[in-house]
Amino acid sequence: MMHKKPIRLLCYTLTALAYLLVGISCSYKQNQLLFETHVASTNSPSIAGAAPYEYKIQTQDILQMRNLQDINYVVTVPGGGSTSNASSNAPQPQTYQVENDSTVALPVLGKVKVAGLTKLEAAKKIQGLYARTVLKNPIIDLRIMNLKVSVFGEVRSPGSYMLTSDKTNLIDVLAQAGGLTEKGDEKKIKIVRGGMTDPQVLFFDLNDFRTVSNPAIIMQSQDIIYVAQNRRAIKNEKMQDFSTIVQPGLLFLNTALLIFTIARK
């Protein structure tokens, strides 16, 4: 009877360890299956089928506007009178916020509806209004100042980056983020596009020369870029995780064997 208790204890210990390892294995396989299913449900756009992207102004956007013509082309100023400034420098740009009613309040013109228009459409509309009221042959330069993308994952400087150009592309943003780390997978760059209402996940391979000419890599406001780990980094991380999990189990098993050996004496 004395020898049956250590044997029974050892059996319980081995059974508990086996359940622990099986549970870990099942959890890992489930995570892998979910990831693979998610990847299979997304498609990258074809180069031929991608339509040119034009951002439409929304409420709360910040617009920067200036007249590129010399300030002496102004024929009237608010309050009446004429300009007397002899400077040939163009006026400094000013910023204006698009209100919730879709309008932006501009000097002299008052409220002008711009939400829903592209940057070019809004600039032409404002330019025409100023040409009929205040300015002589104005050339309105309009920029949207709050457009940005977010970069996460295996890049050297993750964070948010402003879109300073209409043609800023994926490679430009990755360069701003310091490039990929040694763990980054350049063959599977993920872009989440469309916001929370209608998200679309796109994948791009930077090793494929066709990616450079794909118009879908032109960044859109609120895009989320994610750079996953490459296979070597994932393998190394799995080995570390396995070692971290197995070491306590081996210690537990060694303790049980020691107890079993002492009890047999």
C-alpha atoms as a PDB file:
ATOM      1  CA  MET A   1       0.000   0.000   0.000  1.00  0.00           C
ATOM      2  CA  MET A   2       2.902   2.322   0.759  1.00  0.00           C
ATOM      3  CA  HIS A   3       4.194   2.025  -2.797  1.00  0.00           C
ATOM      4  CA  LYS A   4       0.814   2.645  -4.404  1.00  0.00           C
ATOM      5  CA  LYS A   5       0.526   6.226  -3.091  1.00  0.00           C
ATOM      6  CA  PRO A   6       3.723   7.518  -4.796  1.00  0.00           C
ATOM      7  CA  ILE A   7       2.749   5.767  -8.015  1.00  0.00           C
ATOM      8  CA  ARG A   8      -0.714   7.294  -7.842  1.00  0.00           C
ATOM      9  CA  LEU A   9       0.814  10.736  -7.146  1.00  0.00           C
ATOM     10  CA  LEU A  10       3.121  10.364 -10.122  1.00  0.00           C
ATOM     11  CA  CYS A  11       0.190   9.386 -12.365  1.00  0.00           C
ATOM     12  CA  TYR A  12      -1.794  12.413 -11.224  1.00  0.00           C
ATOM     13  CA  THR A  13       1.211  14.670 -11.883  1.00  0.00           C
ATOM     14  CA  LEU A  14       1.795  13.307 -15.382  1.00  0.00           C
ATOM     15  CA  THR A  15      -1.913  13.566 -16.201  1.00  0.00           C
ATOM     16  CA  ALA A  16      -2.047  17.205 -15.049  1.00  0.00           C
ATOM     17  CA  LEU A  17       1.057  18.037 -17.103  1.00  0.00           C
ATOM     18  CA  ALA A  18      -0.414  16.329 -20.187  1.00  0.00           C
ATOM     19  CA  TYR A  19      -3.664  18.331 -19.872  1.00  0.00           C
ATOM     20  CA  LEU A  20      -1.626  21.542 -19.546  1.00  0.00           C
ATOM     21  CA  LEU A  21       0.384  20.863 -22.720  1.00  0.00           C
ATOM     22  CA  VAL A  22      -2.701  19.796 -24.687  1.00  0.00           C
ATOM     23  CA  GLY A  23      -4.545  22.955 -23.623  1.00  0.00           C
ATOM     24  CA  ILE A  24      -1.633  25.142 -24.713  1.00  0.00           C
ATOM     25  CA  SER A  25      -1.391  23.323 -28.050  1.00  0.00           C
ATOM     26  CA  CYS A  26      -5.130  23.682 -28.738  1.00  0.00           C
ATOM     27  CA  SER A  27      -5.060  27.379 -27.858  1.00  0.00           C
ATOM     28  CA  TYR A  28      -2.150  28.006 -30.224  1.00  0.00           C
ATOM     29  CA  LYS A  29      -3.778  26.053 -33.069  1.00  0.00           C
ATOM     30  CA  GLN A  30      -7.048  27.950 -32.573  1.00  0.00           C
ATOM     31  CA  ASN A  31      -5.264  31.318 -32.811  1.00  0.00           C
ATOM     32  CA  GLN A  32      -3.500  30.195 -35.972  1.00  0.00           C
ATOM     33  CA  LEU A  33      -6.760  29.022 -37.548  1.00  0.00           C
ATOM     34  CA  LEU A  34      -8.503  32.303 -36.787  1.00  0.00           C
ATOM     35  CA  PHE A  35      -5.618  34.262 -38.297  1.00  0.00           C
ATOM     36  CA  GLU A  36      -5.543  32.123 -41.439  1.00  0.00           C
ATOM     37  CA  THR A  37      -9.330  32.440 -41.855  1.00  0.00           C
ATOM     38  CA  HIS A  38      -9.074  36.211 -41.488  1.00  0.00           C
ATOM     39  CA  VAL A  39      -6.348  36.424 -44.119  1.00  0.00           C
ATOM     40  CA  ALA A  40      -8.308  34.255 -46.545  1.00  0.00           C
ATOM     41  CA  SER A  41     -11.318  36.552 -46.307  1.00  0.00           C
ATOM     42  CA  THR A  42      -9.400  39.609 -47.538  1.00  0.00           C
ATOM     43  CA  ASN A  43      -8.262  40.442 -51.032  1.00  0.00           C
ATOM     44  CA  SER A  44      -5.796  42.991 -52.359  1.00  0.00           C
ATOM     45  CA  PRO A  45      -7.151  45.206 -55.142  1.00  0.00           C
ATOM     46  CA  SER A  46      -5.970  44.561 -58.665  1.00  0.00           C
ATOM     47  CA  ILE A  47      -3.830  47.204 -60.294  1.00  0.00           C
ATOM     48  CA  ALA A  48      -6.156  47.607 -63.262  1.00  0.00           C
ATOM     49  CA  GLY A  49      -9.337  47.841 -61.182  1.00  0.00           C
ATOM     50  CA  ALA A  50      -8.236  50.400 -58.597  1.00  0.00           C
ATOM     51  CA  ALA A  51      -9.970  53.757 -59.034  1.00  0.00           C
ATOM     52  CA  PRO A  52      -8.131  57.033 -58.343  1.00  0.00           C
ATOM     53  CA  TYR A  53      -8.745  58.200 -54.789  1.00  0.00           C
ATOM     54  CA  GLU A  54     -10.024  61.707 -54.118  1.00  0.00           C
ATOM     55  CA  TYR A  55     -10.690  62.736 -50.533  1.00  0.00           C
ATOM     56  CA  LYS A  56     -13.918  64.662 -49.915  1.00  0.00           C
ATOM     57  CA  ILE A  57     -13.900  67.359 -47.280  1.00  0.00           C
ATOM     58  CA  GLN A  58     -15.722  66.480 -44.068  1.00  0.00           C
ATOM     59  CA  THR A  59     -16.951  68.388 -41.034  1.00  0.00           C
ATOM     60  CA  GLN A  60     -14.238  69.246 -38.499  1.00  0.00           C
ATOM     61  CA  ASP A  61     -11.553  69.227 -41.197  1.00  0.00           C
ATOM     62  CA  ILE A  62      -8.923  71.947 -40.938  1.00  0.00           C
ATOM     63  CA  LEU A  63      -8.402  73.881 -44.186  1.00  0.00           C
ATOM     64  CA  GLN A  64      -5.394  76.065 -44.959  1.00  0.00           C
ATOM     65  CA  MET A  65      -6.035  78.725 -47.567  1.00  0.00           C
ATOM     66  CA  ARG A  66      -4.094  81.510 -49.229  1.00  0.00           C
ATOM     67  CA  ASN A  67      -4.205  83.614 -52.360  1.00  0.00           C
ATOM     68  CA  LEU A  68      -1.099  82.937 -54.407  1.00  0.00           C
ATOM     69  CA  GLN A  69      -1.488  86.256 -56.228  1.00  0.00           C
ATOM     70  CA  ASP A  70       0.421  89.281 -54.982  1.00  0.00           C
ATOM     71  CA  ILE A  71      -1.437  91.076 -52.208  1.00  0.00           C
ATOM     72  CA  ASN A  72      -1.519  94.240 -54.355  1.00  0.00           C
ATOM     73  CA  TYR A  73      -4.042  92.522 -56.602  1.00  0.00           C
ATOM     74  CA  VAL A  74      -6.613  92.991 -53.848  1.00  0.00           C
ATOM     75  CA  VAL A  75      -9.005  95.696 -55.060  1.00  0.00           C
ATOM     76  CA  THR A  76     -11.019  96.108 -51.878  1.00  0.00           C
ATOM     77  CA  VAL A  77     -10.551  95.186 -48.249  1.00  0.00           C
ATOM     78  CA  PRO A  78     -13.099  94.565 -45.477  1.00  0.00           C
ATOM     79  CA  GLY A  79     -14.521  97.879 -44.335  1.00  0.00           C
ATOM     80  CA  GLY A  80     -14.002  99.584 -47.684  1.00  0.00           C
ATOM     81  CA  GLY A  81     -11.045 101.415 -49.134  1.00  0.00           C
ATOM     82  CA  SER A  82      -8.219 100.065 -51.226  1.00  0.00           C
ATOM     83  CA  THR A  83      -4.950  98.361 -50.521  1.00  0.00           C
ATOM     84  CA  SER A  84      -1.862 100.469 -49.884  1.00  0.00           C
ATOM     85  CA  ASN A  85       0.579  97.666 -49.052  1.00  0.00           C
ATOM     86  CA  ALA A  86       3.399  97.815 -51.544  1.00  0.00           C
ATOM     87  CA  SER A  87       4.885  94.499 -50.506  1.00  0.00           C
ATOM     88  CA  SER A  88       5.168  91.916 -53.274  1.00  0.00           C
ATOM     89  CA  ASN A  89       5.038  88.993 -50.845  1.00  0.00           C
ATOM     90  CA  ALA A  90       2.034  86.703 -50.998  1.00  0.00           C
ATOM     91  CA  PRO A  91      -0.115  86.723 -47.857  1.00  0.00           C
ATOM     92  CA  GLN A  92       0.505  84.082 -45.218  1.00  0.00           C
ATOM     93  CA  PRO A  93      -1.865  81.090 -45.278  1.00  0.00           C
ATOM     94  CA  GLN A  94      -4.698  80.997 -42.745  1.00  0.00           C
ATOM     95  CA  THR A  95      -6.485  77.974 -41.299  1.00  0.00           C
ATOM     96  CA  TYR A  96     -10.235  77.500 -41.038  1.00  0.00           C
ATOM     97  CA  GLN A  97     -12.313  74.667 -39.590  1.00  0.00           C
ATOM     98  CA  VAL A  98     -15.279  73.108 -41.365  1.00  0.00           C
ATOM     99  CA  GLU A  99     -18.235  73.391 -38.997  1.00  0.00           C
ATOM    100  CA  ASN A 100     -20.910  70.799 -38.296  1.00  0.00           C
ATOM    101  CA  ASP A 101     -23.244  72.529 -40.758  1.00  0.00           C
ATOM    102  CA  SER A 102     -20.763  71.668 -43.560  1.00  0.00           C
ATOM    103  CA  THR A 103     -19.639  75.276 -43.992  1.00  0.00           C
ATOM    104  CA  VAL A 104     -16.417  77.169 -43.402  1.00  0.00           C
ATOM    105  CA  ALA A 105     -16.437  80.823 -42.319  1.00  0.00           C
ATOM    106  CA  LEU A 106     -14.195  82.865 -44.624  1.00  0.00           C
ATOM    107  CA  PRO A 107     -13.286  86.579 -44.531  1.00  0.00           C
ATOM    108  CA  VAL A 108     -15.742  88.783 -46.455  1.00  0.00           C
ATOM    109  CA  LEU A 109     -17.548  85.779 -47.956  1.00  0.00           C
ATOM    110  CA  GLY A 110     -18.987  84.500 -44.700  1.00  0.00           C
ATOM    111  CA  LYS A 111     -20.114  80.871 -44.588  1.00  0.00           C
ATOM    112  CA  VAL A 112     -19.347  78.743 -47.635  1.00  0.00           C
ATOM    113  CA  LYS A 113     -20.468  75.126 -47.915  1.00  0.00           C
ATOM    114  CA  VAL A 114     -17.491  72.896 -48.711  1.00  0.00           C
ATOM    115  CA  ALA A 115     -18.214  69.530 -47.051  1.00  0.00           C
ATOM    116  CA  GLY A 116     -18.624  66.805 -49.649  1.00  0.00           C
ATOM    117  CA  LEU A 117     -16.353  68.555 -52.163  1.00  0.00           C
ATOM    118  CA  THR A 118     -12.880  67.486 -53.187  1.00  0.00           C
ATOM    119  CA  LYS A 119      -9.999  69.836 -52.466  1.00  0.00           C
ATOM    120  CA  LEU A 120      -9.928  71.028 -56.087  1.00  0.00           C
ATOM    121  CA  GLU A 121     -13.696  71.556 -56.204  1.00  0.00           C
ATOM    122  CA  ALA A 122     -13.642  73.583 -52.978  1.00  0.00           C
ATOM    123  CA  ALA A 123     -10.698  75.696 -54.165  1.00  0.00           C
ATOM    124  CA  LYS A 124     -12.465  76.508 -57.449  1.00  0.00           C
ATOM    125  CA  LYS A 125     -15.681  77.404 -55.627  1.00  0.00           C
ATOM    126  CA  ILE A 126     -13.942  79.745 -53.162  1.00  0.00           C
ATOM    127  CA  GLN A 127     -11.807  81.236 -55.933  1.00  0.00           C
ATOM    128  CA  GLY A 128     -14.905  82.058 -57.983  1.00  0.00           C
ATOM    129  CA  LEU A 129     -16.665  83.668 -55.018  1.00  0.00           C
ATOM    130  CA  TYR A 130     -13.659  85.849 -54.179  1.00  0.00           C
ATOM    131  CA  ALA A 131     -13.215  86.826 -57.846  1.00  0.00           C
ATOM    132  CA  ARG A 132     -16.776  88.188 -57.929  1.00  0.00           C
ATOM    133  CA  THR A 133     -16.509  90.152 -54.681  1.00  0.00           C
ATOM    134  CA  VAL A 134     -13.058  91.018 -53.347  1.00  0.00           C
ATOM    135  CA  LEU A 135     -10.051  89.790 -55.266  1.00  0.00           C
ATOM    136  CA  LYS A 136      -8.823  90.443 -58.775  1.00  0.00           C
ATOM    137  CA  ASN A 137      -7.839  87.239 -60.574  1.00  0.00           C
ATOM    138  CA  PRO A 138      -7.269  85.230 -57.384  1.00  0.00           C
ATOM    139  CA  ILE A 139      -5.405  81.943 -57.343  1.00  0.00           C
ATOM    140  CA  ILE A 140      -6.610  80.098 -54.252  1.00  0.00           C
ATOM    141  CA  ASP A 141      -4.335  77.458 -52.798  1.00  0.00           C
ATOM    142  CA  LEU A 142      -6.279  75.106 -50.508  1.00  0.00           C
ATOM    143  CA  ARG A 143      -4.888  72.342 -48.339  1.00  0.00           C
ATOM    144  CA  ILE A 144      -6.459  69.924 -45.857  1.00  0.00           C
ATOM    145  CA  MET A 145      -4.234  69.918 -42.793  1.00  0.00           C
ATOM    146  CA  ASN A 146      -5.612  67.116 -40.612  1.00  0.00           C
ATOM    147  CA  LEU A 147      -5.280  64.095 -42.910  1.00  0.00           C
ATOM    148  CA  LYS A 148      -3.178  61.381 -41.298  1.00  0.00           C
ATOM    149  CA  VAL A 149      -2.413  57.652 -41.212  1.00  0.00           C
ATOM    150  CA  SER A 150      -1.280  55.371 -38.389  1.00  0.00           C
ATOM    151  CA  VAL A 151       1.625  52.919 -38.568  1.00  0.00           C
ATOM    152  CA  PHE A 152       1.998  49.947 -36.215  1.00  0.00           C
ATOM    153  CA  GLY A 153       3.998  46.753 -35.960  1.00  0.00           C
ATOM    154  CA  GLU A 154       7.568  46.117 -37.009  1.00  0.00           C
ATOM    155  CA  VAL A 155       8.660  49.636 -37.968  1.00  0.00           C
ATOM    156  CA  ARG A 156      11.337  51.676 -36.227  1.00  0.00           C
ATOM    157  CA  SER A 157       9.106  54.647 -35.363  1.00  0.00           C
ATOM    158  CA  PRO A 158       5.429  53.628 -35.094  1.00  0.00           C
ATOM    159  CA  GLY A 159       2.847  56.391 -34.714  1.00  0.00           C
ATOM    160  CA  SER A 160       0.656  58.801 -36.655  1.00  0.00           C
ATOM    161  CA  TYR A 161       1.901  60.644 -39.739  1.00  0.00           C
ATOM    162  CA  MET A 162       0.334  63.569 -41.570  1.00  0.00           C
ATOM    163  CA  LEU A 163      -0.432  63.290 -45.279  1.00  0.00           C
ATOM    164  CA  THR A 164       1.301  66.338 -46.692  1.00  0.00           C
ATOM    165  CA  SER A 165       0.683  65.405 -50.339  1.00  0.00           C
ATOM    166  CA  ASP A 166      -2.227  64.004 -52.308  1.00  0.00           C
ATOM    167  CA  LYS A 167       0.127  61.372 -53.753  1.00  0.00           C
ATOM    168  CA  THR A 168       1.732  60.147 -50.534  1.00  0.00           C
ATOM    169  CA  ASN A 169       2.021  56.380 -50.869  1.00  0.00           C
ATOM    170  CA  LEU A 170       2.736  53.384 -48.670  1.00  0.00           C
ATOM    171  CA  ILE A 171       6.485  53.481 -49.312  1.00  0.00           C
ATOM    172  CA  ASP A 172       6.654  57.193 -48.410  1.00  0.00           C
ATOM    173  CA  VAL A 173       4.926  56.587 -45.059  1.00  0.00           C
ATOM    174  CA  LEU A 174       7.101  53.565 -44.217  1.00  0.00           C
ATOM    175  CA  ALA A 175      10.160  55.693 -44.949  1.00  0.00           C
ATOM    176  CA  GLN A 176       8.865  58.390 -42.568  1.00  0.00           C
ATOM    177  CA  ALA A 177       8.422  55.662 -39.937  1.00  0.00           C
ATOM    178  CA  GLY A 178      12.106  54.756 -40.220  1.00  0.00           C
ATOM    179  CA  GLY A 179      11.611  51.665 -42.353  1.00  0.00           C
ATOM    180  CA  LEU A 180      11.026  48.082 -41.279  1.00  0.00           C
ATOM    181  CA  THR A 181      12.871  46.471 -38.385  1.00  0.00           C
ATOM    182  CA  GLU A 182      14.844  43.243 -38.872  1.00  0.00           C
ATOM    183  CA  LYS A 183      11.717  41.405 -37.684  1.00  0.00           C
ATOM    184  CA  GLY A 184       9.413  43.014 -40.268  1.00  0.00           C
ATOM    185  CA  ASP A 185       7.848  40.988 -43.090  1.00  0.00           C
ATOM    186  CA  GLU A 186       8.143  43.037 -46.276  1.00  0.00           C
ATOM    187  CA  LYS A 187       6.062  40.458 -48.144  1.00  0.00           C
ATOM    188  CA  LYS A 188       2.894  41.038 -46.147  1.00  0.00           C
ATOM    189  CA  ILE A 189       2.222  44.713 -45.408  1.00  0.00           C
ATOM    190  CA  LYS A 190      -1.348  45.176 -44.221  1.00  0.00           C
ATOM    191  CA  ILE A 191      -3.486  48.283 -44.759  1.00  0.00           C
ATOM    192  CA  VAL A 192      -6.835  48.586 -42.983  1.00  0.00           C
ATOM    193  CA  ARG A 193      -8.910  51.069 -44.960  1.00  0.00           C
ATOM    194  CA  GLY A 194     -12.444  52.423 -44.724  1.00  0.00           C
ATOM    195  CA  GLY A 195     -12.717  53.171 -41.014  1.00  0.00           C
ATOM    196  CA  MET A 196     -14.823  51.277 -38.507  1.00  0.00           C
ATOM    197  CA  THR A 197     -18.007  51.430 -40.599  1.00  0.00           C
ATOM    198  CA  ASP A 198     -16.755  49.563 -43.663  1.00  0.00           C
ATOM    199  CA  PRO A 199     -13.214  48.264 -43.054  1.00  0.00           C
ATOM    200  CA  GLN A 200     -11.298  46.649 -45.887  1.00  0.00           C
ATOM    201  CA  VAL A 201      -8.013  44.804 -45.343  1.00  0.00           C
ATOM    202  CA  LEU A 202      -5.430  44.945 -48.134  1.00  0.00           C
ATOM    203  CA  PHE A 203      -2.091  43.143 -48.375  1.00  0.00           C
ATOM    204  CA  PHE A 204       0.964  44.302 -50.329  1.00  0.00           C
ATOM    205  CA  ASP A 205       4.273  42.611 -51.114  1.00  0.00           C
ATOM    206  CA  LEU A 206       7.122  45.124 -51.291  1.00  0.00           C
ATOM    207  CA  ASN A 207       9.283  42.527 -53.038  1.00  0.00           C
ATOM    208  CA  ASP A 208       6.860  42.584 -55.980  1.00  0.00           C
ATOM    209  CA  PHE A 209       7.855  45.355 -58.391  1.00  0.00           C
ATOM    210  CA  ARG A 210       4.213  45.728 -59.458  1.00  0.00           C
ATOM    211  CA  THR A 211       3.347  47.078 -56.014  1.00  0.00           C
ATOM    212  CA  VAL A 212       5.098  50.366 -56.819  1.00  0.00           C
ATOM    213  CA  SER A 213       2.737  51.036 -59.745  1.00  0.00           C
ATOM    214  CA  ASN A 214      -0.404  49.919 -57.894  1.00  0.00           C
ATOM    215  CA  PRO A 215      -2.597  53.027 -57.270  1.00  0.00           C
ATOM    216  CA  ALA A 216      -4.060  51.322 -54.193  1.00  0.00           C
ATOM    217  CA  ILE A 217      -0.854  52.118 -52.267  1.00  0.00           C
ATOM    218  CA  ILE A 218      -1.770  55.832 -52.379  1.00  0.00           C
ATOM    219  CA  MET A 219      -2.591  56.628 -48.770  1.00  0.00           C
ATOM    220  CA  GLN A 220      -6.074  57.626 -47.689  1.00  0.00           C
ATOM    221  CA  SER A 221      -6.915  59.536 -44.540  1.00  0.00           C
ATOM    222  CA  GLN A 222      -7.330  57.275 -41.461  1.00  0.00           C
ATOM    223  CA  ASP A 223      -5.554  54.339 -43.114  1.00  0.00           C
ATOM    224  CA  ILE A 224      -3.947  51.941 -40.626  1.00  0.00           C
ATOM    225  CA  ILE A 225      -0.689  50.306 -41.729  1.00  0.00           C
ATOM    226  CA  TYR A 226       0.469  47.174 -39.933  1.00  0.00           C
ATOM    227  CA  VAL A 227       3.780  45.411 -40.542  1.00  0.00           C
ATOM    228  CA  ALA A 228       3.718  41.832 -39.277  1.00  0.00           C
ATOM    229  CA  GLN A 229       6.700  39.800 -38.087  1.00  0.00           C
ATOM    230  CA  ASN A 230       8.543  37.621 -40.580  1.00  0.00           C
ATOM    231  CA  ARG A 231       8.685  33.844 -40.251  1.00  0.00           C
ATOM    232  CA  ARG A 232      12.084  33.782 -38.564  1.00  0.00           C
ATOM    233  CA  ALA A 233      10.968  36.240 -35.879  1.00  0.00           C
ATOM    234  CA  ILE A 234       7.727  34.308 -35.308  1.00  0.00           C
ATOM    235  CA  LYS A 235       9.677  31.040 -34.993  1.00  0.00           C
ATOM    236  CA  ASN A 236      12.089  32.547 -32.468  1.00  0.00           C
ATOM    237  CA  GLU A 237       9.211  33.988 -30.462  1.00  0.00           C
ATOM    238  CA  LYS A 238       7.411  30.645 -30.426  1.00  0.00           C
ATOM    239  CA  MET A 239      10.539  28.933 -29.158  1.00  0.00           C
ATOM    240  CA  GLN A 240      10.837  31.465 -26.355  1.00  0.00           C
ATOM    241  CA  ASP A 241       7.167  31.089 -25.439  1.00  0.00           C
ATOM    242  CA  PHE A 242       7.442  27.283 -25.484  1.00  0.00           C
ATOM    243  CA  SER A 243      10.531  27.407 -23.276  1.00  0.00           C
ATOM    244  CA  THR A 244       8.793  29.738 -20.830  1.00  0.00           C
ATOM    245  CA  ILE A 245       5.783  27.407 -20.614  1.00  0.00           C
ATOM    246  CA  VAL A 246       7.665  24.097 -20.491  1.00  0.00           C
ATOM    247  CA  GLN A 247      10.260  25.044 -17.860  1.00  0.00           C
ATOM    248  CA  PRO A 248       7.745  25.206 -14.956  1.00  0.00           C
ATOM    249  CA  GLY A 249       6.264  21.902 -16.137  1.00  0.00           C
ATOM    250  CA  LEU A 250       9.678  20.227 -16.172  1.00  0.00           C
ATOM    251  CA  LEU A 251      10.409  21.593 -12.713  1.00  0.00           C
ATOM    252  CA  PHE A 252       7.073  20.212 -11.518  1.00  0.00           C
ATOM    253  CA  LEU A 253       7.835  16.828 -13.099  1.00  0.00           C
ATOM    254  CA  ASN A 254      11.326  16.688 -11.578  1.00  0.00           C
ATOM    255  CA  THR A 255       9.861  17.451  -8.154  1.00  0.00           C
ATOM    256  CA  ALA A 256       7.285  14.677  -8.548  1.00  0.00           C
ATOM    257  CA  LEU A 257       9.976  12.197  -9.604  1.00  0.00           C
ATOM    258  CA  LEU A 258      12.107  13.192  -6.610  1.00  0.00           C
ATOM    259  CA  ILE A 259       9.163  12.622  -4.265  1.00  0.00           C
ATOM    260  CA  PHE A 260       8.474   9.292  -5.934  1.00  0.00           C
ATOM    261  CA  THR A 261      12.100   8.198  -5.544  1.00  0.00           C
ATOM    262  CA  ILE A 262      12.246   9.199  -1.868  1.00  0.00           C
ATOM    263  CA  ALA A 263       8.933   7.482  -1.119  1.00  0.00           C
ATOM    264  CA  ARG A 264      10.161   4.199  -2.607  1.00  0.00           C
ATOM    265  CA  LYS A 265      13.122   4.027  -0.251  1.00  0.00           C
END
